Amino acid sequence: MIPIISIEFEYRQKTYYALVRIKERNNTKEYHVTIMNGMLEQRLYGHHIFVEEDGEFKIGPVPEKDAGQLRLAVGMALCRHYNKPYGSKVV
């Protein structure tokens, strides 16, 4: 059974929620994010997977413009939820 968590995050001064499925892959964990807002979910499309490696979340690569700001907001919420640092290393 795949674990699922719920997180909240702020984006453009509003609070949103997302469901996160956690998958084990080799020596890493992947966090697949689904935002509970249709417009934001479309904006994050293709950038919704975060990887935890060596005890930190890899936020990069960050796309440009709105999708990048959204990815950072969600990534930082994951970091806060798990009390883990983030890295900008490209995975």
Protein backbone atom coordinates (compact mmCIF):
# COMPACT_ATOMS: atom_id res chain seq x y z
CA MET A 1 0.00 0.00 0.00
CA ILE A 2 1.37 3.40 -0.98
CA PRO A 3 1.40 5.94 1.88
CA ILE A 4 -0.46 9.19 1.24
CA ILE A 5 -0.20 12.40 3.25
CA SER A 6 -1.96 15.74 3.06
CA ILE A 7 -0.02 19.02 3.21
CA GLU A 8 -1.00 22.65 3.10
CA PHE A 9 1.03 25.38 1.45
CA GLU A 10 0.78 29.07 0.71
CA TYR A 11 0.93 30.38 -2.82
CA ARG A 12 0.27 34.01 -3.68
CA GLN A 13 -1.00 34.73 -0.16
CA LYS A 14 -3.64 31.98 -0.21
CA THR A 15 -3.63 28.58 1.47
CA TYR A 16 -4.00 25.46 -0.67
CA TYR A 17 -3.90 21.73 0.01
CA ALA A 18 -2.24 18.84 -1.76
CA LEU A 19 -2.14 15.06 -1.47
CA VAL A 20 1.27 13.44 -1.65
CA ARG A 21 1.89 9.80 -2.60
CA ILE A 22 5.21 8.44 -1.35
CA LYS A 23 7.02 5.84 -3.44
CA GLU A 24 10.28 4.04 -2.64
CA ARG A 25 12.67 3.88 -5.61
CA ASN A 26 16.04 2.20 -5.08
CA ASN A 27 17.75 4.31 -2.39
CA THR A 28 15.45 7.32 -2.73
CA LYS A 29 11.87 8.30 -1.99
CA GLU A 30 9.68 10.03 -4.54
CA TYR A 31 6.86 12.34 -3.48
CA HIS A 32 4.15 12.67 -6.14
CA VAL A 33 2.07 15.78 -5.49
CA THR A 34 -1.54 16.34 -6.51
CA ILE A 35 -2.84 19.83 -5.72
CA MET A 36 -6.48 20.02 -4.70
CA ASN A 37 -7.10 22.93 -7.07
CA GLY A 38 -7.58 22.26 -10.76
CA MET A 39 -5.87 25.40 -12.08
CA LEU A 40 -2.81 24.99 -9.85
CA GLU A 41 -2.63 21.27 -10.61
CA GLN A 42 -2.40 22.10 -14.32
CA ARG A 43 0.29 24.70 -13.62
CA LEU A 44 2.41 22.14 -11.73
CA TYR A 45 1.96 19.49 -14.45
CA GLY A 46 5.27 17.83 -15.27
CA HIS A 47 6.96 19.25 -12.17
CA HIS A 48 4.99 17.41 -9.49
CA ILE A 49 7.59 14.84 -8.37
CA PHE A 50 9.99 15.67 -5.55
CA VAL A 51 12.88 13.40 -4.60
CA GLU A 52 14.34 12.87 -1.14
CA GLU A 53 17.98 11.87 -1.28
CA ASP A 54 20.57 11.78 1.51
CA GLY A 55 18.03 13.17 3.98
CA GLU A 56 17.07 16.27 2.02
CA PHE A 57 14.51 17.21 -0.60
CA LYS A 58 15.80 18.06 -4.06
CA ILE A 59 13.76 21.06 -5.13
CA GLY A 60 15.53 21.57 -8.48
CA PRO A 61 15.20 21.81 -11.33
CA VAL A 62 12.85 24.74 -10.90
CA PRO A 63 10.91 25.78 -14.01
CA GLU A 64 10.51 29.44 -14.88
CA LYS A 65 7.72 31.82 -13.94
CA ASP A 66 4.54 30.66 -12.19
CA ALA A 67 5.31 26.94 -12.28
CA GLY A 68 8.64 27.60 -10.56
CA GLN A 69 7.08 29.67 -7.78
CA LEU A 70 4.44 27.00 -7.27
CA ARG A 71 7.01 24.18 -7.19
CA LEU A 72 9.06 26.09 -4.60
CA ALA A 73 5.97 26.70 -2.44
CA VAL A 74 5.01 23.01 -2.50
CA GLY A 75 8.61 21.88 -1.98
CA MET A 76 9.07 24.13 1.02
CA ALA A 77 5.82 22.79 2.51
CA LEU A 78 7.19 19.25 2.16
CA CYS A 79 10.39 20.34 3.90
CA ARG A 80 8.40 21.86 6.78
CA HIS A 81 6.13 18.82 7.06
CA TYR A 82 9.07 16.44 7.42
CA ASN A 83 11.40 18.95 9.11
CA LYS A 84 14.07 18.28 6.49
CA PRO A 85 16.36 20.61 4.56
CA TYR A 86 16.15 21.18 0.84
CA GLY A 87 18.82 21.17 -1.80
CA SER A 88 18.86 22.81 -5.19
CA LYS A 89 20.90 20.03 -6.80
CA VAL A 90 19.38 18.90 -10.06
CA VAL A 91 18.18 15.28 -9.91
